[in-house]
């Protein structure tokens, strides 16, 4: 199937980011089909990845991660867009 960048094409980006409420296997398979990926290999890879994804989701819930990007800097947490100046200020104060 190639590399991540084959998958993360403009078609993938458009399909995924404009269909946030439809995320799930049906959407992913449709995107893979439109990208002319090997669907049997894609389905097999989805199955293999499922336990790791579930584990990541459980850890995120345990840590209170509410979105991406998510930063933990010397205990305070930040979700979403964080300005570089804010990160620099926090890091300077952490010394």
PDB file of N, CA and C in Angstrom:
ATOM      1  N   UNK A   1       0.817  -1.188   0.000  1.00  0.00           N
ATOM      2  CA  UNK A   1       0.000   0.000   0.000  1.00  0.00           C
ATOM      3  C   UNK A   1       0.861   1.252   0.000  1.00  0.00           C
ATOM      4  N   UNK A   2       2.123   1.136   0.185  1.00  0.00           N
ATOM      5  CA  UNK A   2       2.968   2.314   0.122  1.00  0.00           C
ATOM      6  C   UNK A   2       3.190   2.938   1.479  1.00  0.00           C
ATOM      7  N   UNK A   3       3.251   4.235   1.484  1.00  0.00           N
ATOM      8  CA  UNK A   3       3.591   4.971   2.696  1.00  0.00           C
ATOM      9  C   UNK A   3       2.392   5.707   3.266  1.00  0.00           C
ATOM     10  N   UNK A   4       2.596   6.230   4.432  1.00  0.00           N
ATOM     11  CA  UNK A   4       1.574   7.050   5.082  1.00  0.00           C
ATOM     12  C   UNK A   4       1.143   8.188   4.171  1.00  0.00           C
ATOM     13  N   UNK A   5       2.093   8.746   3.431  1.00  0.00           N
ATOM     14  CA  UNK A   5       1.785   9.914   2.620  1.00  0.00           C
ATOM     15  C   UNK A   5       0.904   9.567   1.428  1.00  0.00           C
ATOM     16  N   UNK A   6       0.929   8.303   0.976  1.00  0.00           N
ATOM     17  CA  UNK A   6      -0.020   7.877  -0.046  1.00  0.00           C
ATOM     18  C   UNK A   6      -1.434   7.950   0.513  1.00  0.00           C
ATOM     19  N   UNK A   7      -1.560   7.532   1.751  1.00  0.00           N
ATOM     20  CA  UNK A   7      -2.859   7.504   2.417  1.00  0.00           C
ATOM     21  C   UNK A   7      -3.304   8.911   2.790  1.00  0.00           C
ATOM     22  N   UNK A   8      -2.378   9.735   3.224  1.00  0.00           N
ATOM     23  CA  UNK A   8      -2.718  11.079   3.684  1.00  0.00           C
ATOM     24  C   UNK A   8      -2.704  12.056   2.511  1.00  0.00           C
ATOM     25  N   UNK A   9      -3.420  11.698   1.489  1.00  0.00           N
ATOM     26  CA  UNK A   9      -3.507  12.512   0.282  1.00  0.00           C
ATOM     27  C   UNK A   9      -4.551  13.609   0.458  1.00  0.00           C
ATOM     28  N   UNK A  10      -4.609  14.532  -0.475  1.00  0.00           N
ATOM     29  CA  UNK A  10      -5.663  15.549  -0.402  1.00  0.00           C
ATOM     30  C   UNK A  10      -7.066  14.941  -0.355  1.00  0.00           C
ATOM     31  N   UNK A  11      -7.299  13.848  -1.089  1.00  0.00           N
ATOM     32  CA  UNK A  11      -8.605  13.190  -1.046  1.00  0.00           C
ATOM     33  C   UNK A  11      -8.896  12.691   0.357  1.00  0.00           C
ATOM     34  N   UNK A  12      -7.906  12.059   0.973  1.00  0.00           N
ATOM     35  CA  UNK A  12      -8.079  11.558   2.344  1.00  0.00           C
ATOM     36  C   UNK A  12      -8.372  12.713   3.289  1.00  0.00           C
ATOM     37  N   UNK A  13      -7.578  13.768   3.199  1.00  0.00           N
ATOM     38  CA  UNK A  13      -7.765  14.913   4.088  1.00  0.00           C
ATOM     39  C   UNK A  13      -9.164  15.498   3.926  1.00  0.00           C
ATOM     40  N   UNK A  14      -9.586  15.685   2.684  1.00  0.00           N
ATOM     41  CA  UNK A  14     -10.919  16.238   2.444  1.00  0.00           C
ATOM     42  C   UNK A  14     -11.992  15.307   3.003  1.00  0.00           C
ATOM     43  N   UNK A  15     -11.885  14.030   2.693  1.00  0.00           N
ATOM     44  CA  UNK A  15     -12.907  13.070   3.117  1.00  0.00           C
ATOM     45  C   UNK A  15     -12.979  12.960   4.632  1.00  0.00           C
ATOM     46  N   UNK A  16     -11.846  12.947   5.290  1.00  0.00           N
ATOM     47  CA  UNK A  16     -11.819  12.784   6.736  1.00  0.00           C
ATOM     48  C   UNK A  16     -12.261  14.051   7.458  1.00  0.00           C
ATOM     49  N   UNK A  17     -11.700  15.174   7.079  1.00  0.00           N
ATOM     50  CA  UNK A  17     -11.956  16.402   7.828  1.00  0.00           C
ATOM     51  C   UNK A  17     -13.317  17.017   7.527  1.00  0.00           C
ATOM     52  N   UNK A  18     -13.936  16.659   6.421  1.00  0.00           N
ATOM     53  CA  UNK A  18     -15.274  17.183   6.138  1.00  0.00           C
ATOM     54  C   UNK A  18     -16.362  16.219   6.601  1.00  0.00           C
ATOM     55  N   UNK A  19     -15.970  15.072   7.126  1.00  0.00           N
ATOM     56  CA  UNK A  19     -16.933  14.063   7.566  1.00  0.00           C
ATOM     57  C   UNK A  19     -16.716  13.663   9.017  1.00  0.00           C
ATOM     58  N   UNK A  20     -16.393  14.614   9.870  1.00  0.00           N
ATOM     59  CA  UNK A  20     -16.072  14.317  11.263  1.00  0.00           C
ATOM     60  C   UNK A  20     -17.180  13.550  11.974  1.00  0.00           C
ATOM     61  N   UNK A  21     -18.422  13.814  11.639  1.00  0.00           N
ATOM     62  CA  UNK A  21     -19.533  13.145  12.319  1.00  0.00           C
ATOM     63  C   UNK A  21     -19.762  11.733  11.790  1.00  0.00           C
ATOM     64  N   UNK A  22     -19.087  11.370  10.692  1.00  0.00           N
ATOM     65  CA  UNK A  22     -19.262  10.049  10.098  1.00  0.00           C
ATOM     66  C   UNK A  22     -18.033   9.159  10.279  1.00  0.00           C
ATOM     67  N   UNK A  23     -17.126   9.534  11.161  1.00  0.00           N
ATOM     68  CA  UNK A  23     -15.907   8.749  11.348  1.00  0.00           C
ATOM     69  C   UNK A  23     -16.270   7.323  11.737  1.00  0.00           C
ATOM     70  N   UNK A  24     -15.581   6.381  11.146  1.00  0.00           N
ATOM     71  CA  UNK A  24     -15.819   4.981  11.438  1.00  0.00           C
ATOM     72  C   UNK A  24     -15.401   4.120  10.261  1.00  0.00           C
ATOM     73  N   UNK A  25     -15.548   2.823  10.434  1.00  0.00           N
ATOM     74  CA  UNK A  25     -15.042   1.878   9.437  1.00  0.00           C
ATOM     75  C   UNK A  25     -15.624   2.096   8.043  1.00  0.00           C
ATOM     76  N   UNK A  26     -16.914   2.390   7.949  1.00  0.00           N
ATOM     77  CA  UNK A  26     -17.526   2.583   6.627  1.00  0.00           C
ATOM     78  C   UNK A  26     -16.865   3.736   5.874  1.00  0.00           C
ATOM     79  N   UNK A  27     -16.626   4.856   6.573  1.00  0.00           N
ATOM     80  CA  UNK A  27     -15.968   6.001   5.940  1.00  0.00           C
ATOM     81  C   UNK A  27     -14.543   5.650   5.553  1.00  0.00           C
ATOM     82  N   UNK A  28     -13.814   4.985   6.458  1.00  0.00           N
ATOM     83  CA  UNK A  28     -12.420   4.636   6.173  1.00  0.00           C
ATOM     84  C   UNK A  28     -12.315   3.711   4.966  1.00  0.00           C
ATOM     85  N   UNK A  29     -13.215   2.739   4.873  1.00  0.00           N
ATOM     86  CA  UNK A  29     -13.202   1.823   3.732  1.00  0.00           C
ATOM     87  C   UNK A  29     -13.541   2.554   2.439  1.00  0.00           C
ATOM     88  N   UNK A  30     -14.464   3.498   2.510  1.00  0.00           N
ATOM     89  CA  UNK A  30     -14.819   4.274   1.332  1.00  0.00           C
ATOM     90  C   UNK A  30     -13.635   5.130   0.861  1.00  0.00           C
ATOM     91  N   UNK A  31     -12.940   5.745   1.809  1.00  0.00           N
ATOM     92  CA  UNK A  31     -11.759   6.535   1.467  1.00  0.00           C
ATOM     93  C   UNK A  31     -10.694   5.640   0.848  1.00  0.00           C
ATOM     94  N   UNK A  32     -10.449   4.486   1.468  1.00  0.00           N
ATOM     95  CA  UNK A  32      -9.444   3.552   0.947  1.00  0.00           C
ATOM     96  C   UNK A  32      -9.799   3.110  -0.471  1.00  0.00           C
ATOM     97  N   UNK A  33     -11.067   2.841  -0.699  1.00  0.00           N
ATOM     98  CA  UNK A  33     -11.519   2.439  -2.036  1.00  0.00           C
ATOM     99  C   UNK A  33     -11.272   3.552  -3.043  1.00  0.00           C
ATOM    100  N   UNK A  34     -11.611   4.801  -2.661  1.00  0.00           N
ATOM    101  CA  UNK A  34     -11.400   5.945  -3.564  1.00  0.00           C
ATOM    102  C   UNK A  34      -9.929   6.216  -3.833  1.00  0.00           C
ATOM    103  N   UNK A  35      -9.070   5.789  -2.913  1.00  0.00           N
ATOM    104  CA  UNK A  35      -7.621   5.940  -3.105  1.00  0.00           C
ATOM    105  C   UNK A  35      -7.006   4.746  -3.832  1.00  0.00           C
ATOM    106  N   UNK A  36      -7.863   3.809  -4.216  1.00  0.00           N
ATOM    107  CA  UNK A  36      -7.418   2.595  -4.916  1.00  0.00           C
ATOM    108  C   UNK A  36      -6.431   1.771  -4.097  1.00  0.00           C
ATOM    109  N   UNK A  37      -6.649   1.722  -2.785  1.00  0.00           N
ATOM    110  CA  UNK A  37      -5.802   0.895  -1.934  1.00  0.00           C
ATOM    111  C   UNK A  37      -6.257  -0.558  -2.022  1.00  0.00           C
ATOM    112  N   UNK A  38      -5.392  -1.454  -1.650  1.00  0.00           N
ATOM    113  CA  UNK A  38      -5.713  -2.882  -1.573  1.00  0.00           C
ATOM    114  C   UNK A  38      -6.655  -3.056  -0.372  1.00  0.00           C
ATOM    115  N   UNK A  39      -7.950  -3.241  -0.634  1.00  0.00           N
ATOM    116  CA  UNK A  39      -8.941  -3.254   0.448  1.00  0.00           C
ATOM    117  C   UNK A  39      -8.767  -4.424   1.395  1.00  0.00           C
ATOM    118  N   UNK A  40      -8.364  -5.592   0.904  1.00  0.00           N
ATOM    119  CA  UNK A  40      -8.189  -6.719   1.824  1.00  0.00           C
ATOM    120  C   UNK A  40      -7.021  -6.457   2.769  1.00  0.00           C
ATOM    121  N   UNK A  41      -5.942  -5.890   2.252  1.00  0.00           N
ATOM    122  CA  UNK A  41      -4.803  -5.543   3.111  1.00  0.00           C
ATOM    123  C   UNK A  41      -5.188  -4.414   4.072  1.00  0.00           C
ATOM    124  N   UNK A  42      -5.947  -3.452   3.580  1.00  0.00           N
ATOM    125  CA  UNK A  42      -6.387  -2.348   4.422  1.00  0.00           C
ATOM    126  C   UNK A  42      -7.245  -2.859   5.579  1.00  0.00           C
ATOM    127  N   UNK A  43      -8.197  -3.742   5.284  1.00  0.00           N
ATOM    128  CA  UNK A  43      -9.057  -4.309   6.329  1.00  0.00           C
ATOM    129  C   UNK A  43      -8.234  -5.111   7.335  1.00  0.00           C
ATOM    130  N   UNK A  44      -7.271  -5.860   6.842  1.00  0.00           N
ATOM    131  CA  UNK A  44      -6.398  -6.646   7.724  1.00  0.00           C
ATOM    132  C   UNK A  44      -5.607  -5.718   8.642  1.00  0.00           C
ATOM    133  N   UNK A  45      -5.090  -4.623   8.086  1.00  0.00           N
ATOM    134  CA  UNK A  45      -4.338  -3.663   8.889  1.00  0.00           C
ATOM    135  C   UNK A  45      -5.225  -2.973   9.921  1.00  0.00           C
ATOM    136  N   UNK A  46      -6.479  -2.683   9.555  1.00  0.00           N
ATOM    137  CA  UNK A  46      -7.415  -2.106  10.523  1.00  0.00           C
ATOM    138  C   UNK A  46      -7.606  -3.051  11.707  1.00  0.00           C
ATOM    139  N   UNK A  47      -7.781  -4.324  11.404  1.00  0.00           N
ATOM    140  CA  UNK A  47      -7.975  -5.327  12.453  1.00  0.00           C
ATOM    141  C   UNK A  47      -6.747  -5.425  13.347  1.00  0.00           C
ATOM    142  N   UNK A  48      -5.568  -5.398  12.740  1.00  0.00           N
ATOM    143  CA  UNK A  48      -4.327  -5.488  13.519  1.00  0.00           C
ATOM    144  C   UNK A  48      -4.121  -4.249  14.391  1.00  0.00           C
ATOM    145  N   UNK A  49      -4.550  -3.094  13.915  1.00  0.00           N
ATOM    146  CA  UNK A  49      -4.335  -1.840  14.644  1.00  0.00           C
ATOM    147  C   UNK A  49      -5.357  -1.617  15.755  1.00  0.00           C
ATOM    148  N   UNK A  50      -6.511  -2.266  15.682  1.00  0.00           N
ATOM    149  CA  UNK A  50      -7.614  -2.001  16.620  1.00  0.00           C
ATOM    150  C   UNK A  50      -7.208  -2.097  18.096  1.00  0.00           C
ATOM    151  N   UNK A  51      -6.489  -3.143  18.534  1.00  0.00           N
ATOM    152  CA  UNK A  51      -6.126  -3.213  19.958  1.00  0.00           C
ATOM    153  C   UNK A  51      -5.245  -2.036  20.411  1.00  0.00           C
ATOM    154  N   UNK A  52      -4.304  -1.623  19.575  1.00  0.00           N
ATOM    155  CA  UNK A  52      -3.433  -0.497  19.940  1.00  0.00           C
ATOM    156  C   UNK A  52      -4.234   0.800  20.006  1.00  0.00           C
ATOM    157  N   UNK A  53      -5.161   0.974  19.083  1.00  0.00           N
ATOM    158  CA  UNK A  53      -5.999   2.177  19.083  1.00  0.00           C
ATOM    159  C   UNK A  53      -6.863   2.210  20.332  1.00  0.00           C
ATOM    160  N   UNK A  54      -7.454   1.076  20.675  1.00  0.00           N
ATOM    161  CA  UNK A  54      -8.285   0.992  21.884  1.00  0.00           C
ATOM    162  C   UNK A  54      -7.459   1.328  23.117  1.00  0.00           C
ATOM    163  N   UNK A  55      -6.244   0.801  23.184  1.00  0.00           N
ATOM    164  CA  UNK A  55      -5.360   1.070  24.320  1.00  0.00           C
ATOM    165  C   UNK A  55      -5.020   2.563  24.399  1.00  0.00           C
ATOM    166  N   UNK A  56      -4.746   3.185  23.248  1.00  0.00           N
ATOM    167  CA  UNK A  56      -4.448   4.619  23.222  1.00  0.00           C
ATOM    168  C   UNK A  56      -5.641   5.449  23.680  1.00  0.00           C
ATOM    169  N   UNK A  57      -6.838   5.076  23.244  1.00  0.00           N
ATOM    170  CA  UNK A  57      -8.050   5.800  23.650  1.00  0.00           C
ATOM    171  C   UNK A  57      -8.256   5.688  25.152  1.00  0.00           C
ATOM    172  N   UNK A  58      -8.051   4.497  25.696  1.00  0.00           N
ATOM    173  CA  UNK A  58      -8.218   4.297  27.140  1.00  0.00           C
ATOM    174  C   UNK A  58      -7.210   5.130  27.923  1.00  0.00           C
ATOM    175  N   UNK A  59      -5.978   5.177  27.459  1.00  0.00           N
ATOM    176  CA  UNK A  59      -4.960   5.989  28.132  1.00  0.00           C
ATOM    177  C   UNK A  59      -5.320   7.470  28.049  1.00  0.00           C
ATOM    178  N   UNK A  60      -5.757   7.928  26.891  1.00  0.00           N
ATOM    179  CA  UNK A  60      -6.142   9.335  26.728  1.00  0.00           C
ATOM    180  C   UNK A  60      -7.283   9.686  27.679  1.00  0.00           C
ATOM    181  N   UNK A  61      -8.265   8.805  27.796  1.00  0.00           N
ATOM    182  CA  UNK A  61      -9.380   9.059  28.709  1.00  0.00           C
ATOM    183  C   UNK A  61      -8.896   9.109  30.150  1.00  0.00           C
ATOM    184  N   UNK A  62      -7.987   8.211  30.508  1.00  0.00           N
ATOM    185  CA  UNK A  62      -7.441   8.178  31.869  1.00  0.00           C
ATOM    186  C   UNK A  62      -6.679   9.463  32.190  1.00  0.00           C
ATOM    187  N   UNK A  63      -5.962   9.996  31.202  1.00  0.00           N
ATOM    188  CA  UNK A  63      -5.166  11.210  31.402  1.00  0.00           C
ATOM    189  C   UNK A  63      -5.974  12.492  31.219  1.00  0.00           C
ATOM    190  N   UNK A  64      -7.207  12.360  30.759  1.00  0.00           N
ATOM    191  CA  UNK A  64      -8.038  13.532  30.543  1.00  0.00           C
ATOM    192  C   UNK A  64      -7.737  14.288  29.269  1.00  0.00           C
ATOM    193  N   UNK A  65      -7.160  13.591  28.292  1.00  0.00           N
ATOM    194  CA  UNK A  65      -6.871  14.219  27.007  1.00  0.00           C
ATOM    195  C   UNK A  65      -8.200  14.479  26.301  1.00  0.00           C
ATOM    196  N   UNK A  66      -8.415  15.739  25.933  1.00  0.00           N
ATOM    197  CA  UNK A  66      -9.701  16.105  25.343  1.00  0.00           C
ATOM    198  C   UNK A  66      -9.625  16.410  23.856  1.00  0.00           C
ATOM    199  N   UNK A  67      -8.443  16.400  23.288  1.00  0.00           N
ATOM    200  CA  UNK A  67      -8.293  16.689  21.868  1.00  0.00           C
ATOM    201  C   UNK A  67      -6.838  16.718  21.483  1.00  0.00           C
ATOM    202  N   UNK A  68      -6.593  17.050  20.248  1.00  0.00           N
ATOM    203  CA  UNK A  68      -5.226  17.146  19.764  1.00  0.00           C
ATOM    204  C   UNK A  68      -5.017  18.523  19.154  1.00  0.00           C
ATOM    205  N   UNK A  69      -3.828  19.034  19.218  1.00  0.00           N
ATOM    206  CA  UNK A  69      -2.713  18.500  19.996  1.00  0.00           C
ATOM    207  C   UNK A  69      -2.977  18.653  21.488  1.00  0.00           C
ATOM    208  N   UNK A  70      -2.244  17.896  22.274  1.00  0.00           N
ATOM    209  CA  UNK A  70      -2.376  17.926  23.732  1.00  0.00           C
ATOM    210  C   UNK A  70      -0.976  17.937  24.316  1.00  0.00           C
ATOM    211  N   UNK A  71      -0.717  18.872  25.211  1.00  0.00           N
ATOM    212  CA  UNK A  71       0.607  19.020  25.810  1.00  0.00           C
ATOM    213  C   UNK A  71       0.514  18.919  27.323  1.00  0.00           C
ATOM    214  N   UNK A  72       1.513  18.294  27.919  1.00  0.00           N
ATOM    215  CA  UNK A  72       1.687  18.307  29.366  1.00  0.00           C
ATOM    216  C   UNK A  72       3.063  18.912  29.591  1.00  0.00           C
ATOM    217  N   UNK A  73       3.093  20.064  30.235  1.00  0.00           N
ATOM    218  CA  UNK A  73       4.358  20.755  30.466  1.00  0.00           C
ATOM    219  C   UNK A  73       4.474  21.031  31.949  1.00  0.00           C
ATOM    220  N   UNK A  74       5.292  20.234  32.632  1.00  0.00           N
ATOM    221  CA  UNK A  74       5.525  20.422  34.060  1.00  0.00           C
ATOM    222  C   UNK A  74       4.208  20.460  34.843  1.00  0.00           C
ATOM    223  N   UNK A  75       3.318  19.547  34.521  1.00  0.00           N
ATOM    224  CA  UNK A  75       2.003  19.335  35.141  1.00  0.00           C
ATOM    225  C   UNK A  75       0.840  20.050  34.468  1.00  0.00           C
ATOM    226  N   UNK A  76       0.907  21.350  34.148  1.00  0.00           N
ATOM    227  CA  UNK A  76      -0.251  21.930  33.468  1.00  0.00           C
ATOM    228  C   UNK A  76      -0.478  21.244  32.119  1.00  0.00           C
ATOM    229  N   UNK A  77      -1.724  21.129  31.724  1.00  0.00           N
ATOM    230  CA  UNK A  77      -2.049  20.535  30.436  1.00  0.00           C
ATOM    231  C   UNK A  77      -2.667  21.590  29.530  1.00  0.00           C
ATOM    232  N   UNK A  78      -2.453  21.404  28.236  1.00  0.00           N
ATOM    233  CA  UNK A  78      -2.958  22.331  27.236  1.00  0.00           C
ATOM    234  C   UNK A  78      -3.505  21.514  26.067  1.00  0.00           C
ATOM    235  N   UNK A  79      -4.711  21.837  25.648  1.00  0.00           N
ATOM    236  CA  UNK A  79      -5.316  21.152  24.522  1.00  0.00           C
ATOM    237  C   UNK A  79      -5.623  22.158  23.428  1.00  0.00           C
ATOM    238  N   UNK A  80      -5.398  21.751  22.205  1.00  0.00           N
ATOM    239  CA  UNK A  80      -5.672  22.633  21.070  1.00  0.00           C
ATOM    240  C   UNK A  80      -4.462  23.479  20.730  1.00  0.00           C
ATOM    241  N   UNK A  81      -4.722  24.582  20.086  1.00  0.00           N
ATOM    242  CA  UNK A  81      -3.642  25.450  19.621  1.00  0.00           C
ATOM    243  C   UNK A  81      -3.006  26.161  20.813  1.00  0.00           C
ATOM    244  N   UNK A  82      -1.701  26.055  20.898  1.00  0.00           N
ATOM    245  CA  UNK A  82      -0.934  26.735  21.947  1.00  0.00           C
ATOM    246  C   UNK A  82       0.114  27.576  21.234  1.00  0.00           C
ATOM    247  N   UNK A  83       0.182  28.828  21.589  1.00  0.00           N
ATOM    248  CA  UNK A  83       1.143  29.730  20.964  1.00  0.00           C
ATOM    249  C   UNK A  83       2.558  29.413  21.440  1.00  0.00           C
ATOM    250  N   UNK A  84       3.513  29.524  20.543  1.00  0.00           N
ATOM    251  CA  UNK A  84       4.911  29.253  20.865  1.00  0.00           C
ATOM    252  C   UNK A  84       5.377  30.119  22.036  1.00  0.00           C
ATOM    253  N   UNK A  85       4.975  31.370  22.066  1.00  0.00           N
ATOM    254  CA  UNK A  85       5.378  32.265  23.162  1.00  0.00           C
ATOM    255  C   UNK A  85       4.889  31.729  24.504  1.00  0.00           C
ATOM    256  N   UNK A  86       3.689  31.140  24.526  1.00  0.00           N
ATOM    257  CA  UNK A  86       3.167  30.574  25.773  1.00  0.00           C
ATOM    258  C   UNK A  86       3.991  29.366  26.217  1.00  0.00           C
ATOM    259  N   UNK A  87       4.362  28.525  25.275  1.00  0.00           N
ATOM    260  CA  UNK A  87       5.198  27.360  25.604  1.00  0.00           C
ATOM    261  C   UNK A  87       6.560  27.820  26.107  1.00  0.00           C
ATOM    262  N   UNK A  88       7.146  28.790  25.435  1.00  0.00           N
ATOM    263  CA  UNK A  88       8.453  29.298  25.866  1.00  0.00           C
ATOM    264  C   UNK A  88       8.365  29.878  27.271  1.00  0.00           C
ATOM    265  N   UNK A  89       7.309  30.597  27.574  1.00  0.00           N
ATOM    266  CA  UNK A  89       7.125  31.196  28.894  1.00  0.00           C
ATOM    267  C   UNK A  89       7.005  30.106  29.956  1.00  0.00           C
ATOM    268  N   UNK A  90       6.238  29.086  29.665  1.00  0.00           N
ATOM    269  CA  UNK A  90       6.066  27.982  30.624  1.00  0.00           C
ATOM    270  C   UNK A  90       7.385  27.260  30.856  1.00  0.00           C
ATOM    271  N   UNK A  91       8.132  27.008  29.790  1.00  0.00           N
ATOM    272  CA  UNK A  91       9.415  26.319  29.903  1.00  0.00           C
ATOM    273  C   UNK A  91      10.431  27.158  30.670  1.00  0.00           C
ATOM    274  N   UNK A  92      10.431  28.463  30.442  1.00  0.00           N
ATOM    275  CA  UNK A  92      11.334  29.356  31.161  1.00  0.00           C
ATOM    276  C   UNK A  92      11.015  29.346  32.651  1.00  0.00           C
ATOM    277  N   UNK A  93       9.740  29.340  32.988  1.00  0.00           N
ATOM    278  CA  UNK A  93       9.315  29.335  34.371  1.00  0.00           C
ATOM    279  C   UNK A  93       9.540  27.996  35.057  1.00  0.00           C
ATOM    280  N   UNK A  94       9.720  26.925  34.285  1.00  0.00           N
ATOM    281  CA  UNK A  94       9.882  25.573  34.850  1.00  0.00           C
ATOM    282  C   UNK A  94      11.311  25.307  35.296  1.00  0.00           C
ATOM    283  N   UNK A  95      12.237  26.179  34.948  1.00  0.00           N
ATOM    284  CA  UNK A  95      13.647  25.944  35.283  1.00  0.00           C
ATOM    285  C   UNK A  95      13.902  26.107  36.750  1.00  0.00           C
TER     286      UNK A  95
END
